C-alpha atoms as a PDB file:
ATOM      1  CA  MET A   1      28.008  -6.609  32.215  1.00  0.00           C
ATOM      2  CA  LEU A   2      26.776  -2.787  32.903  1.00  0.00           C
ATOM      3  CA  THR A   3      28.473  -1.125  29.696  1.00  0.00           C
ATOM      4  CA  GLY A   4      26.596   1.790  29.098  1.00  0.00           C
ATOM      5  CA  LYS A   5      25.243   2.273  32.171  1.00  0.00           C
ATOM      6  CA  THR A   6      26.113   5.096  34.602  1.00  0.00           C
ATOM      7  CA  ALA A   7      26.548   4.270  38.390  1.00  0.00           C
ATOM      8  CA  VAL A   8      26.349   6.695  40.871  1.00  0.00           C
ATOM      9  CA  ILE A   9      28.348   5.649  44.443  1.00  0.00           C
ATOM     10  CA  THR A  10      28.381   7.503  47.343  1.00  0.00           C
ATOM     11  CA  GLY A  11      31.185   7.217  49.974  1.00  0.00           C
ATOM     12  CA  GLY A  12      32.907   5.874  46.461  1.00  0.00           C
ATOM     13  CA  SER A  13      36.841   7.015  47.045  1.00  0.00           C
ATOM     14  CA  ARG A  14      37.887   4.472  49.723  1.00  0.00           C
ATOM     15  CA  GLY A  15      36.605   0.848  50.946  1.00  0.00           C
ATOM     16  CA  ILE A  16      33.899  -0.803  50.149  1.00  0.00           C
ATOM     17  CA  GLY A  17      32.473   2.165  47.756  1.00  0.00           C
ATOM     18  CA  LYS A  18      35.842   2.092  45.878  1.00  0.00           C
ATOM     19  CA  ALA A  19      35.995  -1.340  45.781  1.00  0.00           C
ATOM     20  CA  ILE A  20      32.160  -1.654  44.088  1.00  0.00           C
ATOM     21  CA  ALA A  21      33.311   1.718  41.704  1.00  0.00           C
ATOM     22  CA  LEU A  22      36.249  -0.622  40.294  1.00  0.00           C
ATOM     23  CA  ARG A  23      34.182  -3.660  39.878  1.00  0.00           C
ATOM     24  CA  MET A  24      31.193  -1.773  38.249  1.00  0.00           C
ATOM     25  CA  ALA A  25      33.744  -0.149  35.855  1.00  0.00           C
ATOM     26  CA  LYS A  26      35.465  -3.394  35.075  1.00  0.00           C
ATOM     27  CA  SER A  27      32.196  -4.396  34.110  1.00  0.00           C
ATOM     28  CA  GLY A  28      31.781  -1.448  31.616  1.00  0.00           C
ATOM     29  CA  ALA A  29      29.906   1.355  33.644  1.00  0.00           C
ATOM     30  CA  ASP A  30      30.835   5.152  34.194  1.00  0.00           C
ATOM     31  CA  ILE A  31      31.379   5.984  37.313  1.00  0.00           C
ATOM     32  CA  ALA A  32      30.253   9.431  39.139  1.00  0.00           C
ATOM     33  CA  LEU A  33      31.817   9.155  42.507  1.00  0.00           C
ATOM     34  CA  VAL A  34      30.255  10.707  45.573  1.00  0.00           C
ATOM     35  CA  TYR A  35      32.904  11.718  48.345  1.00  0.00           C
ATOM     36  CA  ALA A  36      32.623  13.474  52.006  1.00  0.00           C
ATOM     37  CA  GLY A  37      36.191  15.502  52.021  1.00  0.00           C
ATOM     38  CA  ASN A  38      39.042  13.121  51.124  1.00  0.00           C
ATOM     39  CA  GLU A  39      39.681  15.044  47.719  1.00  0.00           C
ATOM     40  CA  GLU A  40      43.175  13.284  47.187  1.00  0.00           C
ATOM     41  CA  ALA A  41      41.637   9.963  47.793  1.00  0.00           C
ATOM     42  CA  ALA A  42      38.961  10.679  45.340  1.00  0.00           C
ATOM     43  CA  ARG A  43      41.424  12.170  42.832  1.00  0.00           C
ATOM     44  CA  GLN A  44      43.500   8.823  43.181  1.00  0.00           C
ATOM     45  CA  THR A  45      40.467   6.587  42.862  1.00  0.00           C
ATOM     46  CA  ALA A  46      39.245   8.513  39.924  1.00  0.00           C
ATOM     47  CA  GLY A  47      42.728   8.046  38.472  1.00  0.00           C
ATOM     48  CA  GLU A  48      42.040   4.065  38.954  1.00  0.00           C
ATOM     49  CA  LEU A  49      38.980   4.318  37.095  1.00  0.00           C
ATOM     50  CA  ALA A  50      39.979   6.010  34.368  1.00  0.00           C
ATOM     51  CA  ALA A  51      42.541   3.758  33.604  1.00  0.00           C
ATOM     52  CA  LEU A  52      39.964   1.310  32.767  1.00  0.00           C
ATOM     53  CA  ARG A  53      38.751   3.811  30.214  1.00  0.00           C
ATOM     54  CA  VAL A  54      35.216   4.523  31.290  1.00  0.00           C
ATOM     55  CA  LYS A  55      34.135   7.844  32.202  1.00  0.00           C
ATOM     56  CA  VAL A  56      34.657   9.230  35.695  1.00  0.00           C
ATOM     57  CA  LYS A  57      33.987  12.081  37.427  1.00  0.00           C
ATOM     58  CA  PHE A  58      34.162  12.966  41.413  1.00  0.00           C
ATOM     59  CA  TYR A  59      31.877  15.155  43.328  1.00  0.00           C
ATOM     60  CA  ARG A  60      32.060  16.492  46.648  1.00  0.00           C
ATOM     61  CA  CYS A  61      29.044  16.514  48.470  1.00  0.00           C
ATOM     62  CA  ASP A  62      27.866  16.350  52.037  1.00  0.00           C
ATOM     63  CA  VAL A  63      25.009  13.521  51.676  1.00  0.00           C
ATOM     64  CA  SER A  64      22.942  14.604  55.106  1.00  0.00           C
ATOM     65  CA  ASP A  65      22.420  18.072  53.471  1.00  0.00           C
ATOM     66  CA  PHE A  66      19.040  17.422  51.147  1.00  0.00           C
ATOM     67  CA  GLU A  67      20.050  21.036  48.785  1.00  0.00           C
ATOM     68  CA  ALA A  68      23.565  19.839  48.186  1.00  0.00           C
ATOM     69  CA  VAL A  69      22.542  16.281  47.149  1.00  0.00           C
ATOM     70  CA  LYS A  70      19.919  17.770  44.569  1.00  0.00           C
ATOM     71  CA  GLY A  71      22.451  20.015  43.089  1.00  0.00           C
ATOM     72  CA  THR A  72      24.617  17.060  42.868  1.00  0.00           C
ATOM     73  CA  ILE A  73      22.393  14.836  41.376  1.00  0.00           C
ATOM     74  CA  ASP A  74      21.432  17.437  38.959  1.00  0.00           C
ATOM     75  CA  GLN A  75      25.451  18.209  37.804  1.00  0.00           C
ATOM     76  CA  ILE A  76      25.551  14.579  37.186  1.00  0.00           C
ATOM     77  CA  ILE A  77      22.394  14.702  34.938  1.00  0.00           C
ATOM     78  CA  THR A  78      24.592  17.167  33.338  1.00  0.00           C
ATOM     79  CA  ASP A  79      27.852  15.452  32.951  1.00  0.00           C
ATOM     80  CA  PHE A  80      26.665  12.285  32.207  1.00  0.00           C
ATOM     81  CA  GLY A  81      22.943  12.684  30.554  1.00  0.00           C
ATOM     82  CA  GLY A  82      21.531  10.282  33.026  1.00  0.00           C
ATOM     83  CA  ILE A  83      21.978   8.048  35.999  1.00  0.00           C
ATOM     84  CA  ASP A  84      20.929   3.622  36.014  1.00  0.00           C
ATOM     85  CA  ILE A  85      22.795   2.776  39.427  1.00  0.00           C
ATOM     86  CA  LEU A  86      22.661   4.354  42.570  1.00  0.00           C
ATOM     87  CA  VAL A  87      24.770   2.707  45.337  1.00  0.00           C
ATOM     88  CA  ASN A  88      24.817   3.903  49.143  1.00  0.00           C
ATOM     89  CA  ASN A  89      27.116   3.283  50.505  1.00  0.00           C
ATOM     90  CA  ALA A  90      28.369   6.580  52.652  1.00  0.00           C
ATOM     91  CA  GLY A  91      28.828   5.800  56.351  1.00  0.00           C
ATOM     92  CA  ILE A  92      30.178   7.139  59.248  1.00  0.00           C
ATOM     93  CA  VAL A  93      30.484   5.652  62.910  1.00  0.00           C
ATOM     94  CA  ARG A  94      30.239   7.232  66.184  1.00  0.00           C
ATOM     95  CA  ASP A  95      30.507   3.845  68.744  1.00  0.00           C
ATOM     96  CA  ARG A  96      29.924   4.454  72.261  1.00  0.00           C
ATOM     97  CA  LEU A  97      27.832   2.643  75.027  1.00  0.00           C
ATOM     98  CA  VAL A  98      24.272   4.188  74.964  1.00  0.00           C
ATOM     99  CA  LEU A  99      25.215   5.647  78.363  1.00  0.00           C
ATOM    100  CA  SER A 100      27.856   7.909  77.004  1.00  0.00           C
ATOM    101  CA  MET A 101      26.479   8.203  73.423  1.00  0.00           C
ATOM    102  CA  THR A 102      25.500  11.994  73.029  1.00  0.00           C
ATOM    103  CA  PRO A 103      22.699  12.882  71.153  1.00  0.00           C
ATOM    104  CA  GLU A 104      25.110  14.629  68.449  1.00  0.00           C
ATOM    105  CA  ASP A 105      26.610  11.150  68.623  1.00  0.00           C
ATOM    106  CA  PHE A 106      23.322   9.442  67.349  1.00  0.00           C
ATOM    107  CA  GLU A 107      22.007  12.210  65.457  1.00  0.00           C
ATOM    108  CA  LYS A 108      25.635  12.443  62.894  1.00  0.00           C
ATOM    109  CA  VAL A 109      25.150   9.196  62.221  1.00  0.00           C
ATOM    110  CA  MET A 110      21.640   9.173  61.619  1.00  0.00           C
ATOM    111  CA  ASP A 111      21.765  11.927  59.067  1.00  0.00           C
ATOM    112  CA  ILE A 112      24.641  10.594  57.082  1.00  0.00           C
ATOM    113  CA  ASN A 113      23.991   6.658  56.975  1.00  0.00           C
ATOM    114  CA  LEU A 114      20.041   6.780  57.021  1.00  0.00           C
ATOM    115  CA  LYS A 115      19.104  10.295  55.795  1.00  0.00           C
ATOM    116  CA  GLY A 116      22.138  10.374  53.223  1.00  0.00           C
ATOM    117  CA  ALA A 117      20.556   7.537  51.405  1.00  0.00           C
ATOM    118  CA  PHE A 118      16.961   8.585  51.614  1.00  0.00           C
ATOM    119  CA  TYR A 119      17.915  11.860  49.879  1.00  0.00           C
ATOM    120  CA  MET A 120      20.117  10.408  47.120  1.00  0.00           C
ATOM    121  CA  ILE A 121      16.872   8.202  46.586  1.00  0.00           C
ATOM    122  CA  LYS A 122      14.838  10.653  46.550  1.00  0.00           C
ATOM    123  CA  HIS A 123      16.496  12.895  44.357  1.00  0.00           C
ATOM    124  CA  CYS A 124      17.108   9.724  41.768  1.00  0.00           C
ATOM    125  CA  TYR A 125      13.510   8.646  42.444  1.00  0.00           C
ATOM    126  CA  PRO A 126      11.714  10.692  39.037  1.00  0.00           C
ATOM    127  CA  ILE A 127      14.575   9.769  37.037  1.00  0.00           C
ATOM    128  CA  PHE A 128      14.376   6.198  37.675  1.00  0.00           C
ATOM    129  CA  MET A 129      10.436   6.847  37.419  1.00  0.00           C
ATOM    130  CA  LYS A 130      10.378   8.154  34.011  1.00  0.00           C
ATOM    131  CA  LYS A 131      13.386   5.886  32.340  1.00  0.00           C
ATOM    132  CA  ARG A 132      11.056   2.941  33.484  1.00  0.00           C
ATOM    133  CA  ALA A 133      14.423   1.361  34.759  1.00  0.00           C
ATOM    134  CA  GLY A 134      16.977   1.602  37.500  1.00  0.00           C
ATOM    135  CA  ARG A 135      18.853  -0.415  40.298  1.00  0.00           C
ATOM    136  CA  ILE A 136      18.929   0.754  43.925  1.00  0.00           C
ATOM    137  CA  ILE A 137      21.688  -1.077  46.185  1.00  0.00           C
ATOM    138  CA  ASN A 138      22.109   0.515  49.872  1.00  0.00           C
ATOM    139  CA  ILE A 139      24.908  -0.793  51.912  1.00  0.00           C
ATOM    140  CA  SER A 140      23.717  -1.747  54.979  1.00  0.00           C
ATOM    141  CA  SER A 141      25.034  -3.722  58.035  1.00  0.00           C
ATOM    142  CA  VAL A 142      24.918  -7.370  59.764  1.00  0.00           C
ATOM    143  CA  SER A 143      25.071  -4.723  62.745  1.00  0.00           C
ATOM    144  CA  GLY A 144      21.335  -3.465  61.630  1.00  0.00           C
ATOM    145  CA  LEU A 145      19.924  -7.068  61.711  1.00  0.00           C
ATOM    146  CA  MET A 146      21.434  -8.415  65.009  1.00  0.00           C
ATOM    147  CA  GLY A 147      22.206  -4.954  66.811  1.00  0.00           C
ATOM    148  CA  ASN A 148      25.994  -4.698  68.401  1.00  0.00           C
ATOM    149  CA  PRO A 149      27.110  -3.478  71.441  1.00  0.00           C
ATOM    150  CA  GLY A 150      28.234   0.298  71.310  1.00  0.00           C
ATOM    151  CA  GLN A 151      26.712   1.171  68.011  1.00  0.00           C
ATOM    152  CA  ALA A 152      23.276   1.852  68.852  1.00  0.00           C
ATOM    153  CA  ASN A 153      23.367   4.667  66.436  1.00  0.00           C
ATOM    154  CA  TYR A 154      24.763   2.480  63.498  1.00  0.00           C
ATOM    155  CA  SER A 155      22.586  -0.223  64.079  1.00  0.00           C
ATOM    156  CA  ALA A 156      19.599   1.989  64.285  1.00  0.00           C
ATOM    157  CA  ALA A 157      20.664   3.712  60.974  1.00  0.00           C
ATOM    158  CA  LYS A 158      21.413   0.418  59.112  1.00  0.00           C
ATOM    159  CA  ALA A 159      18.418  -1.437  60.367  1.00  0.00           C
ATOM    160  CA  GLY A 160      16.398   1.983  58.812  1.00  0.00           C
ATOM    161  CA  MET A 161      18.117   1.131  55.870  1.00  0.00           C
ATOM    162  CA  VAL A 162      16.662  -2.318  55.642  1.00  0.00           C
ATOM    163  CA  GLY A 163      13.103  -0.586  55.701  1.00  0.00           C
ATOM    164  CA  LEU A 164      13.626   2.069  53.316  1.00  0.00           C
ATOM    165  CA  THR A 165      15.114  -0.207  51.146  1.00  0.00           C
ATOM    166  CA  LYS A 166      11.941  -2.626  51.318  1.00  0.00           C
ATOM    167  CA  THR A 167       9.680  -0.021  50.712  1.00  0.00           C
ATOM    168  CA  VAL A 168      11.070   1.417  48.088  1.00  0.00           C
ATOM    169  CA  ALA A 169      11.459  -1.806  46.223  1.00  0.00           C
ATOM    170  CA  LYS A 170       7.772  -1.897  46.464  1.00  0.00           C
ATOM    171  CA  GLU A 171       7.145   1.729  45.428  1.00  0.00           C
ATOM    172  CA  LEU A 172       9.178   1.555  42.608  1.00  0.00           C
ATOM    173  CA  ALA A 173       8.212  -1.939  41.126  1.00  0.00           C
ATOM    174  CA  GLY A 174       5.896  -1.443  38.745  1.00  0.00           C
ATOM    175  CA  ARG A 175       8.250   0.892  36.894  1.00  0.00           C
ATOM    176  CA  GLY A 176      10.836  -1.648  36.742  1.00  0.00           C
ATOM    177  CA  VAL A 177      13.243  -0.561  39.599  1.00  0.00           C
ATOM    178  CA  THR A 178      14.788  -2.389  41.788  1.00  0.00           C
ATOM    179  CA  CYS A 179      15.852  -1.727  45.077  1.00  0.00           C
ATOM    180  CA  ASN A 180      18.240  -4.114  47.647  1.00  0.00           C
ATOM    181  CA  ALA A 181      20.229  -4.040  50.406  1.00  0.00           C
ATOM    182  CA  ILE A 182      23.714  -5.499  51.241  1.00  0.00           C
ATOM    183  CA  ALA A 183      24.542  -6.328  54.815  1.00  0.00           C
ATOM    184  CA  PRO A 184      28.340  -6.793  55.017  1.00  0.00           C
ATOM    185  CA  GLY A 185      29.876  -8.108  58.144  1.00  0.00           C
ATOM    186  CA  PHE A 186      33.170  -7.669  59.132  1.00  0.00           C
ATOM    187  CA  ILE A 187      35.002  -6.509  56.279  1.00  0.00           C
ATOM    188  CA  GLN A 188      38.979  -5.444  55.517  1.00  0.00           C
ATOM    189  CA  THR A 189      38.618  -1.678  55.682  1.00  0.00           C
ATOM    190  CA  ASP A 190      40.132   1.428  57.255  1.00  0.00           C
ATOM    191  CA  MET A 191      37.372   1.240  59.941  1.00  0.00           C
ATOM    192  CA  THR A 192      37.829  -1.913  61.006  1.00  0.00           C
ATOM    193  CA  GLU A 193      41.777  -1.452  61.010  1.00  0.00           C
ATOM    194  CA  ALA A 194      41.340   0.910  63.480  1.00  0.00           C
ATOM    195  CA  MET A 195      39.758  -1.527  65.800  1.00  0.00           C
ATOM    196  CA  PRO A 196      42.140  -2.769  68.982  1.00  0.00           C
ATOM    197  CA  GLU A 197      43.422  -6.062  68.084  1.00  0.00           C
ATOM    198  CA  LYS A 198      41.510  -8.155  70.561  1.00  0.00           C
ATOM    199  CA  ALA A 199      38.599  -6.687  69.478  1.00  0.00           C
ATOM    200  CA  ARG A 200      39.693  -8.042  66.001  1.00  0.00           C
ATOM    201  CA  GLN A 201      40.924 -11.129  67.015  1.00  0.00           C
ATOM    202  CA  GLU A 202      37.137 -11.777  69.335  1.00  0.00           C
ATOM    203  CA  ALA A 203      35.863 -10.868  65.834  1.00  0.00           C
ATOM    204  CA  VAL A 204      37.255 -12.834  63.493  1.00  0.00           C
ATOM    205  CA  ALA A 205      36.916 -15.948  66.134  1.00  0.00           C
ATOM    206  CA  ALA A 206      32.874 -15.337  65.697  1.00  0.00           C
ATOM    207  CA  ILE A 207      32.998 -15.716  61.961  1.00  0.00           C
ATOM    208  CA  PRO A 208      32.232 -19.413  60.843  1.00  0.00           C
ATOM    209  CA  LEU A 209      34.596 -18.843  58.248  1.00  0.00           C
ATOM    210  CA  LYS A 210      37.074 -17.467  60.289  1.00  0.00           C
ATOM    211  CA  ARG A 211      38.170 -14.600  58.433  1.00  0.00           C
ATOM    212  CA  MET A 212      37.123 -11.373  57.612  1.00  0.00           C
ATOM    213  CA  GLY A 213      35.585 -10.899  54.374  1.00  0.00           C
ATOM    214  CA  THR A 214      37.051  -8.134  51.707  1.00  0.00           C
ATOM    215  CA  ALA A 215      35.671  -5.050  49.874  1.00  0.00           C
ATOM    216  CA  GLU A 216      35.827  -7.262  47.100  1.00  0.00           C
ATOM    217  CA  ASP A 217      33.422  -9.713  48.393  1.00  0.00           C
ATOM    218  CA  VAL A 218      31.028  -6.783  48.832  1.00  0.00           C
ATOM    219  CA  ALA A 219      31.646  -5.264  45.439  1.00  0.00           C
ATOM    220  CA  GLY A 220      30.888  -8.426  43.364  1.00  0.00           C
ATOM    221  CA  LEU A 221      27.233  -8.797  44.839  1.00  0.00           C
ATOM    222  CA  ALA A 222      26.765  -5.071  44.135  1.00  0.00           C
ATOM    223  CA  ALA A 223      27.729  -5.644  40.313  1.00  0.00           C
ATOM    224  CA  PHE A 224      25.334  -8.564  39.930  1.00  0.00           C
ATOM    225  CA  LEU A 225      22.477  -6.717  41.811  1.00  0.00           C
ATOM    226  CA  ALA A 226      22.999  -3.640  39.285  1.00  0.00           C
ATOM    227  CA  SER A 227      23.376  -5.882  36.151  1.00  0.00           C
ATOM    228  CA  ALA A 228      20.392  -7.292  34.074  1.00  0.00           C
ATOM    229  CA  GLU A 229      20.626 -10.703  35.340  1.00  0.00           C
ATOM    230  CA  ALA A 230      19.453  -9.310  38.546  1.00  0.00           C
ATOM    231  CA  GLY A 231      16.082  -7.902  37.270  1.00  0.00           C
ATOM    232  CA  TYR A 232      13.933 -10.206  39.200  1.00  0.00           C
ATOM    233  CA  ILE A 233      15.338  -9.571  42.392  1.00  0.00           C
ATOM    234  CA  THR A 234      14.007  -6.463  44.451  1.00  0.00           C
ATOM    235  CA  GLY A 235      13.598  -5.899  48.238  1.00  0.00           C
ATOM    236  CA  GLU A 236      15.919  -8.058  49.288  1.00  0.00           C
ATOM    237  CA  VAL A 237      18.737  -8.083  52.091  1.00  0.00           C
ATOM    238  CA  ILE A 238      21.463 -10.284  51.251  1.00  0.00           C
ATOM    239  CA  LYS A 239      24.253 -10.939  53.952  1.00  0.00           C
ATOM    240  CA  VAL A 240      28.104 -10.968  53.286  1.00  0.00           C
ATOM    241  CA  ASP A 241      29.227 -11.656  56.744  1.00  0.00           C
ATOM    242  CA  GLY A 242      31.236 -15.402  56.146  1.00  0.00           C
ATOM    243  CA  GLY A 243      28.279 -16.789  58.078  1.00  0.00           C
ATOM    244  CA  LEU A 244      28.622 -14.291  61.179  1.00  0.00           C
ATOM    245  CA  TYR A 245      24.502 -14.176  61.435  1.00  0.00           C
ATOM    246  CA  ILE A 246      22.880 -17.391  60.208  1.00  0.00           C
END
């Protein structure tokens, strides 16, 4: 389904990003993994991808650094010859109630989760325009749609990603480029594993399907949105949340 395509995936070494990379590789896409700092995880994921007989390289990059992102995209173009799919998945949390949240807590999450996505899109934008083709997939969150106590920064960043998605979709539609967002709910990742057990139980109780989702649940949708079959879908925010926010 994605044979001959090159996908750039930020936060691609673990969790949802890794699952998306594996799913797209199984569909034939070559993969450029962008990671923040865990080289061991990036190298391990790259090995799993290479076993699927696709081209894969990994790049360390702070997505909140505009010039670093430009350099990374330039290097990916050199290594792969082009970019067809961009998945903005990189994200962090700095959870606190607003009362105790510091400006640094807020700014750091915004810098990586929202500005990082903008920087990646900014540097891929002319590539997609020139090709008159491309897929942009932003990983938002239901927290950005419904809010979540203790996550003013994360929710604001993910809500901002929704606005970014819709704007970019409108700007690039005339060039044959689609831009969509996926809003996961509670997904089994390292991030949710760190939740206190009581909080996890309360989260599951609030989900109509009565279970957390898996990274693969998100990856399947990402692969579809990257494919030719989704060519008439743009500007959408699709929840993968087990019915948490209906």
